[in-house]
Every structure is written in C-alpha cells, then in structure tokens.
Amino acid sequence: QVQLVESGGGLVQAGGSLRLSCAASGRTASRSTVGWFRQAPGKGREYVASIDRSGRSMDYADSVKGRFIISRGNEENRVSLQMNSLKPEDTGVYYCAADINTRKFRLDPARLDYWGQGTQVTVSS
C-alpha cells in the first residue's frame, strides 16, 4: 500500500514558477517510481514526469522538458515537481502516482497502482 498526498498548487501568471510536492507513505513507497500527470478541462490525463526509486533516473514529457524538474528526497519519500516558465497550457489538475513498475508510467498509466487526490494549477495569460 502507498498513500500519496499532493500539495503546492495555485494560481500563477504565465512565465512564473510553482513547486508541487507529493508525500508518499506506506510499505512500498520507498521502492516505487513516483510520477506526475495532469488533466486539463475536457481533456484526458497527460503524463508529465517520473522519477525512479533511486532518485537518479528522471523522465519528462516533451511538453515540459527544460522547464520542469522532478526530484526526490528518499529519506522522506517526498517527490517535488519544480515548474518554471509556466504557460497557460500547463493549467490543469496535477496528480501524483506511484507504482513498482516504471514502464507503466509511459506505456499503461491507467493501470498504475496508486494515485493522489490531485492539486489544481492555474496559469493565467
């Protein structure tokens, strides 16, 4: 079991920054890859980024590469998403997810084992 709690969403102007945090707890939290997805109004859930259990392997969607940074503090099992140079198209509900199987994040996200409740990010133009 893994419990995920997101925080840090809010309203920001285009070009600004926000930092999201996902606190992961539970028996397998330290052995799980943790990632972020987002969902804009009227659209499907979109992969954003993920980081493996070691904290040394990160992966990003092309739409956020060079602007977002995912990091992990393993002592706390806390995963952060630093979002810079934000654009209005980054608006959406951001969800944290966790799974032992890293490949699911790109290949089969609907079957990821654990999800957080989501946090709203709004970027105004």
N, C-alpha and C. Protein backbone atom coordinates (compact mmCIF):
# COMPACT_ATOMS: atom_id res chain seq x y z
N GLN A 1 0.81 -1.20 0.00
CA GLN A 1 0.00 0.00 0.00
C GLN A 1 0.85 1.25 0.00
N VAL A 2 0.45 2.25 -0.77
CA VAL A 2 1.11 3.55 -0.81
C VAL A 2 0.03 4.63 -0.74
N GLN A 3 0.25 5.59 0.13
CA GLN A 3 -0.64 6.75 0.19
C GLN A 3 0.11 7.96 -0.36
N LEU A 4 -0.58 8.75 -1.17
CA LEU A 4 0.03 9.90 -1.83
C LEU A 4 -0.78 11.15 -1.53
N VAL A 5 -0.09 12.20 -1.10
CA VAL A 5 -0.75 13.46 -0.80
C VAL A 5 -0.01 14.58 -1.52
N GLU A 6 -0.72 15.26 -2.43
CA GLU A 6 -0.11 16.36 -3.19
C GLU A 6 -0.36 17.69 -2.48
N SER A 7 0.54 18.63 -2.72
CA SER A 7 0.36 19.99 -2.23
C SER A 7 1.13 20.94 -3.13
N GLY A 8 0.83 22.23 -3.01
CA GLY A 8 1.62 23.24 -3.71
C GLY A 8 0.98 23.85 -4.94
N GLY A 9 -0.21 23.44 -5.30
CA GLY A 9 -0.85 24.05 -6.46
C GLY A 9 -1.28 25.47 -6.17
N GLY A 10 -1.76 26.15 -7.21
CA GLY A 10 -2.23 27.52 -7.03
C GLY A 10 -2.37 28.25 -8.35
N LEU A 11 -2.48 29.57 -8.24
CA LEU A 11 -2.64 30.44 -9.40
C LEU A 11 -1.35 31.22 -9.62
N VAL A 12 -0.87 31.25 -10.85
CA VAL A 12 0.36 31.97 -11.17
C VAL A 12 0.23 32.57 -12.57
N GLN A 13 0.94 33.65 -12.80
CA GLN A 13 0.94 34.26 -14.12
C GLN A 13 1.89 33.51 -15.06
N ALA A 14 1.62 33.61 -16.33
CA ALA A 14 2.49 32.99 -17.32
C ALA A 14 3.93 33.49 -17.14
N GLY A 15 4.86 32.56 -17.24
CA GLY A 15 6.26 32.88 -17.02
C GLY A 15 6.71 32.67 -15.59
N GLY A 16 5.77 32.47 -14.69
CA GLY A 16 6.09 32.27 -13.28
C GLY A 16 6.44 30.83 -12.96
N SER A 17 6.59 30.56 -11.66
CA SER A 17 7.00 29.23 -11.19
C SER A 17 6.10 28.76 -10.06
N LEU A 18 5.99 27.45 -9.96
CA LEU A 18 5.30 26.80 -8.84
C LEU A 18 6.06 25.53 -8.51
N ARG A 19 5.96 25.11 -7.27
CA ARG A 19 6.59 23.86 -6.85
C ARG A 19 5.52 22.97 -6.24
N LEU A 20 5.33 21.80 -6.83
CA LEU A 20 4.40 20.81 -6.30
C LEU A 20 5.17 19.78 -5.47
N SER A 21 4.48 19.24 -4.48
CA SER A 21 5.09 18.23 -3.64
C SER A 21 4.15 17.04 -3.51
N CYS A 22 4.71 15.84 -3.49
CA CYS A 22 3.94 14.62 -3.31
C CYS A 22 4.59 13.85 -2.17
N ALA A 23 3.85 13.70 -1.08
CA ALA A 23 4.34 12.93 0.06
C ALA A 23 3.85 11.51 -0.07
N ALA A 24 4.80 10.58 -0.18
CA ALA A 24 4.46 9.17 -0.36
C ALA A 24 4.74 8.41 0.93
N SER A 25 3.77 7.68 1.40
CA SER A 25 3.95 6.88 2.61
C SER A 25 3.37 5.49 2.39
N GLY A 26 3.82 4.56 3.22
CA GLY A 26 3.34 3.21 3.09
C GLY A 26 4.45 2.21 2.88
N ARG A 27 4.08 0.96 2.93
CA ARG A 27 5.05 -0.13 2.96
C ARG A 27 5.98 -0.16 1.75
N THR A 28 5.46 0.14 0.57
CA THR A 28 6.30 0.03 -0.63
C THR A 28 6.67 1.38 -1.22
N ALA A 29 6.45 2.46 -0.49
CA ALA A 29 6.70 3.80 -1.03
C ALA A 29 8.14 3.98 -1.47
N SER A 30 9.07 3.52 -0.67
CA SER A 30 10.49 3.73 -0.97
C SER A 30 10.95 2.90 -2.17
N ARG A 31 10.20 1.89 -2.55
CA ARG A 31 10.58 1.03 -3.68
C ARG A 31 9.82 1.36 -4.95
N SER A 32 9.05 2.44 -4.93
CA SER A 32 8.18 2.78 -6.05
C SER A 32 8.74 3.92 -6.88
N THR A 33 8.52 3.84 -8.19
CA THR A 33 8.69 5.01 -9.05
C THR A 33 7.50 5.94 -8.77
N VAL A 34 7.77 7.23 -8.73
CA VAL A 34 6.70 8.21 -8.49
C VAL A 34 6.68 9.20 -9.65
N GLY A 35 5.51 9.55 -10.10
CA GLY A 35 5.42 10.46 -11.24
C GLY A 35 4.24 11.40 -11.13
N TRP A 36 4.19 12.32 -12.10
CA TRP A 36 3.12 13.31 -12.16
C TRP A 36 2.38 13.22 -13.49
N PHE A 37 1.08 13.38 -13.40
CA PHE A 37 0.22 13.51 -14.56
C PHE A 37 -0.60 14.78 -14.39
N ARG A 38 -1.19 15.24 -15.47
CA ARG A 38 -2.07 16.40 -15.37
C ARG A 38 -3.27 16.20 -16.27
N GLN A 39 -4.35 16.88 -15.91
CA GLN A 39 -5.57 16.79 -16.71
C GLN A 39 -6.18 18.18 -16.84
N ALA A 40 -6.23 18.66 -18.07
CA ALA A 40 -6.85 19.95 -18.35
C ALA A 40 -8.35 19.74 -18.53
N PRO A 41 -9.15 20.77 -18.36
CA PRO A 41 -10.60 20.65 -18.52
C PRO A 41 -10.96 20.11 -19.90
N GLY A 42 -11.77 19.06 -19.91
CA GLY A 42 -12.23 18.49 -21.16
C GLY A 42 -11.23 17.63 -21.89
N LYS A 43 -10.08 17.36 -21.25
CA LYS A 43 -9.04 16.55 -21.90
C LYS A 43 -8.69 15.34 -21.06
N GLY A 44 -7.98 14.42 -21.67
CA GLY A 44 -7.55 13.24 -20.95
C GLY A 44 -6.35 13.51 -20.07
N ARG A 45 -6.01 12.54 -19.25
CA ARG A 45 -4.87 12.67 -18.36
C ARG A 45 -3.57 12.53 -19.16
N GLU A 46 -2.63 13.43 -18.90
CA GLU A 46 -1.39 13.52 -19.66
C GLU A 46 -0.19 13.27 -18.76
N TYR A 47 0.72 12.46 -19.22
CA TYR A 47 1.96 12.20 -18.50
C TYR A 47 2.82 13.45 -18.46
N VAL A 48 3.43 13.73 -17.30
CA VAL A 48 4.30 14.90 -17.16
C VAL A 48 5.75 14.49 -16.90
N ALA A 49 5.97 13.72 -15.83
CA ALA A 49 7.34 13.35 -15.48
C ALA A 49 7.30 12.23 -14.45
N SER A 50 8.43 11.52 -14.32
CA SER A 50 8.54 10.49 -13.29
C SER A 50 9.98 10.37 -12.84
N ILE A 51 10.17 9.77 -11.66
CA ILE A 51 11.49 9.57 -11.09
C ILE A 51 11.51 8.20 -10.43
N ASP A 52 12.62 7.48 -10.62
CA ASP A 52 12.66 6.11 -10.11
C ASP A 52 12.97 6.07 -8.62
N ARG A 53 12.98 4.89 -8.05
CA ARG A 53 13.15 4.71 -6.62
C ARG A 53 14.48 5.24 -6.11
N SER A 54 15.51 5.21 -6.96
CA SER A 54 16.82 5.69 -6.53
C SER A 54 16.92 7.20 -6.55
N GLY A 55 16.02 7.84 -7.31
CA GLY A 55 16.09 9.29 -7.46
C GLY A 55 17.10 9.74 -8.49
N ARG A 56 17.71 8.78 -9.21
CA ARG A 56 18.76 9.15 -10.18
C ARG A 56 18.30 9.09 -11.62
N SER A 57 17.16 8.48 -11.88
CA SER A 57 16.67 8.37 -13.26
C SER A 57 15.35 9.12 -13.37
N MET A 58 15.35 10.19 -14.20
CA MET A 58 14.17 11.01 -14.39
C MET A 58 13.74 10.95 -15.85
N ASP A 59 12.46 11.13 -16.05
CA ASP A 59 11.90 11.11 -17.40
C ASP A 59 10.87 12.24 -17.51
N TYR A 60 10.86 12.92 -18.65
CA TYR A 60 9.96 14.05 -18.85
C TYR A 60 9.21 13.95 -20.16
N ALA A 61 7.97 14.43 -20.16
CA ALA A 61 7.25 14.61 -21.41
C ALA A 61 7.91 15.74 -22.20
N ASP A 62 7.84 15.65 -23.51
CA ASP A 62 8.47 16.68 -24.35
C ASP A 62 7.91 18.07 -24.05
N SER A 63 6.65 18.14 -23.68
CA SER A 63 5.99 19.43 -23.47
C SER A 63 6.54 20.19 -22.25
N VAL A 64 7.22 19.49 -21.35
CA VAL A 64 7.73 20.15 -20.14
C VAL A 64 9.25 20.07 -20.02
N LYS A 65 9.90 19.36 -20.91
CA LYS A 65 11.34 19.18 -20.84
C LYS A 65 12.05 20.53 -20.92
N GLY A 66 12.99 20.76 -20.01
CA GLY A 66 13.71 22.02 -19.98
C GLY A 66 13.04 23.07 -19.11
N ARG A 67 11.79 22.83 -18.72
CA ARG A 67 11.08 23.80 -17.85
C ARG A 67 10.76 23.22 -16.48
N PHE A 68 10.46 21.93 -16.42
CA PHE A 68 10.11 21.28 -15.17
C PHE A 68 11.26 20.41 -14.69
N ILE A 69 11.39 20.32 -13.36
CA ILE A 69 12.41 19.46 -12.76
C ILE A 69 11.77 18.61 -11.69
N ILE A 70 11.92 17.29 -11.81
CA ILE A 70 11.39 16.38 -10.79
C ILE A 70 12.55 15.91 -9.92
N SER A 71 12.31 15.84 -8.62
CA SER A 71 13.37 15.42 -7.69
C SER A 71 12.76 14.62 -6.57
N ARG A 72 13.64 13.93 -5.84
CA ARG A 72 13.15 13.03 -4.81
C ARG A 72 14.07 13.06 -3.60
N GLY A 73 13.46 13.22 -2.42
CA GLY A 73 14.19 13.13 -1.17
C GLY A 73 13.86 11.80 -0.55
N ASN A 74 14.72 10.82 -0.70
CA ASN A 74 14.36 9.46 -0.32
C ASN A 74 14.15 9.26 1.17
N GLU A 75 14.79 10.07 1.98
CA GLU A 75 14.58 9.91 3.42
C GLU A 75 13.14 10.21 3.80
N GLU A 76 12.51 11.09 3.05
CA GLU A 76 11.13 11.45 3.36
C GLU A 76 10.16 10.86 2.35
N ASN A 77 10.66 10.20 1.31
CA ASN A 77 9.81 9.73 0.22
C ASN A 77 8.93 10.86 -0.30
N ARG A 78 9.52 12.03 -0.44
CA ARG A 78 8.80 13.18 -0.96
C ARG A 78 9.33 13.49 -2.35
N VAL A 79 8.43 13.60 -3.30
CA VAL A 79 8.80 13.91 -4.68
C VAL A 79 8.29 15.30 -5.01
N SER A 80 9.18 16.13 -5.52
CA SER A 80 8.83 17.50 -5.87
C SER A 80 8.85 17.70 -7.37
N LEU A 81 8.01 18.60 -7.83
CA LEU A 81 7.99 18.99 -9.24
C LEU A 81 8.13 20.51 -9.30
N GLN A 82 9.32 20.96 -9.66
CA GLN A 82 9.56 22.40 -9.82
C GLN A 82 9.15 22.79 -11.23
N MET A 83 8.19 23.69 -11.32
CA MET A 83 7.66 24.08 -12.62
C MET A 83 8.03 25.53 -12.90
N ASN A 84 8.84 25.74 -13.92
CA ASN A 84 9.31 27.06 -14.29
C ASN A 84 8.79 27.46 -15.66
N SER A 85 8.86 28.74 -15.96
CA SER A 85 8.41 29.26 -17.27
C SER A 85 7.02 28.72 -17.62
N LEU A 86 6.13 28.82 -16.68
CA LEU A 86 4.80 28.24 -16.87
C LEU A 86 4.03 28.94 -17.98
N LYS A 87 3.22 28.13 -18.66
CA LYS A 87 2.41 28.61 -19.78
C LYS A 87 0.93 28.34 -19.47
N PRO A 88 0.03 29.07 -20.07
CA PRO A 88 -1.40 28.80 -19.84
C PRO A 88 -1.79 27.35 -20.14
N GLU A 89 -1.13 26.73 -21.10
CA GLU A 89 -1.44 25.34 -21.44
C GLU A 89 -0.96 24.35 -20.38
N ASP A 90 -0.24 24.82 -19.36
CA ASP A 90 0.13 23.96 -18.24
C ASP A 90 -0.99 23.86 -17.21
N THR A 91 -2.04 24.62 -17.41
CA THR A 91 -3.17 24.61 -16.48
C THR A 91 -3.83 23.24 -16.42
N GLY A 92 -4.20 22.82 -15.21
CA GLY A 92 -4.89 21.56 -15.05
C GLY A 92 -4.80 21.07 -13.62
N VAL A 93 -5.41 19.92 -13.38
CA VAL A 93 -5.25 19.26 -12.09
C VAL A 93 -4.06 18.32 -12.21
N TYR A 94 -3.13 18.45 -11.30
CA TYR A 94 -1.91 17.64 -11.31
C TYR A 94 -2.05 16.52 -10.29
N TYR A 95 -1.79 15.30 -10.75
CA TYR A 95 -1.92 14.12 -9.92
C TYR A 95 -0.57 13.44 -9.75
N CYS A 96 -0.31 12.99 -8.56
CA CYS A 96 0.86 12.18 -8.26
C CYS A 96 0.46 10.71 -8.35
N ALA A 97 1.35 9.88 -8.88
CA ALA A 97 1.07 8.46 -8.99
C ALA A 97 2.31 7.66 -8.60
N ALA A 98 2.10 6.42 -8.16
CA ALA A 98 3.22 5.58 -7.75
C ALA A 98 2.98 4.14 -8.18
N ASP A 99 4.07 3.47 -8.52
CA ASP A 99 3.98 2.06 -8.92
C ASP A 99 5.38 1.46 -8.86
N ILE A 100 5.45 0.18 -8.59
CA ILE A 100 6.72 -0.53 -8.61
C ILE A 100 7.26 -0.60 -10.05
N ASN A 101 6.38 -0.68 -11.02
CA ASN A 101 6.76 -0.86 -12.42
C ASN A 101 6.89 0.49 -13.13
N THR A 102 8.14 0.90 -13.38
CA THR A 102 8.40 2.19 -14.01
C THR A 102 7.78 2.30 -15.41
N ARG A 103 7.76 1.20 -16.14
CA ARG A 103 7.32 1.23 -17.53
C ARG A 103 5.86 1.62 -17.67
N LYS A 104 5.06 1.37 -16.64
CA LYS A 104 3.62 1.68 -16.71
C LYS A 104 3.37 3.17 -16.91
N PHE A 105 4.27 4.01 -16.42
CA PHE A 105 4.03 5.45 -16.47
C PHE A 105 3.87 5.92 -17.91
N ARG A 106 4.65 5.37 -18.81
CA ARG A 106 4.57 5.74 -20.22
C ARG A 106 3.64 4.81 -21.00
N LEU A 107 3.67 3.53 -20.67
CA LEU A 107 3.01 2.52 -21.51
C LEU A 107 1.59 2.19 -21.07
N ASP A 108 1.30 2.28 -19.78
CA ASP A 108 -0.02 1.82 -19.32
C ASP A 108 -0.45 2.56 -18.06
N PRO A 109 -0.53 3.91 -18.14
CA PRO A 109 -0.80 4.69 -16.94
C PRO A 109 -2.14 4.38 -16.28
N ALA A 110 -3.11 3.89 -17.05
CA ALA A 110 -4.42 3.59 -16.45
C ALA A 110 -4.31 2.48 -15.41
N ARG A 111 -3.23 1.71 -15.47
CA ARG A 111 -3.07 0.60 -14.54
C ARG A 111 -2.06 0.90 -13.43
N LEU A 112 -1.68 2.16 -13.29
CA LEU A 112 -0.80 2.50 -12.16
C LEU A 112 -1.53 2.21 -10.85
N ASP A 113 -0.78 1.73 -9.87
CA ASP A 113 -1.41 1.21 -8.67
C ASP A 113 -1.98 2.28 -7.74
N TYR A 114 -1.29 3.40 -7.60
CA TYR A 114 -1.68 4.38 -6.59
C TYR A 114 -1.73 5.80 -7.17
N TRP A 115 -2.74 6.54 -6.72
CA TRP A 115 -2.93 7.92 -7.18
C TRP A 115 -3.25 8.82 -5.99
N GLY A 116 -2.79 10.07 -6.11
CA GLY A 116 -3.19 11.06 -5.13
C GLY A 116 -4.51 11.70 -5.54
N GLN A 117 -4.94 12.66 -4.73
CA GLN A 117 -6.25 13.27 -4.95
C GLN A 117 -6.19 14.42 -5.95
N GLY A 118 -5.01 14.92 -6.26
CA GLY A 118 -4.85 15.98 -7.25
C GLY A 118 -4.76 17.36 -6.62
N THR A 119 -4.06 18.25 -7.31
CA THR A 119 -3.95 19.64 -6.88
C THR A 119 -4.06 20.53 -8.12
N GLN A 120 -4.80 21.62 -7.98
CA GLN A 120 -5.09 22.49 -9.13
C GLN A 120 -3.94 23.45 -9.39
N VAL A 121 -3.55 23.54 -10.66
CA VAL A 121 -2.58 24.54 -11.11
C VAL A 121 -3.25 25.37 -12.20
N THR A 122 -3.27 26.68 -12.00
CA THR A 122 -3.87 27.58 -12.98
C THR A 122 -2.84 28.63 -13.39
N VAL A 123 -2.58 28.71 -14.69
CA VAL A 123 -1.62 29.68 -15.22
C VAL A 123 -2.39 30.69 -16.06
N SER A 124 -2.36 31.93 -15.63
CA SER A 124 -3.10 32.98 -16.34
C SER A 124 -2.19 33.64 -17.38
N SER A 125 -2.81 34.08 -18.45
CA SER A 125 -2.04 34.70 -19.54
C SER A 125 -1.90 36.20 -19.35
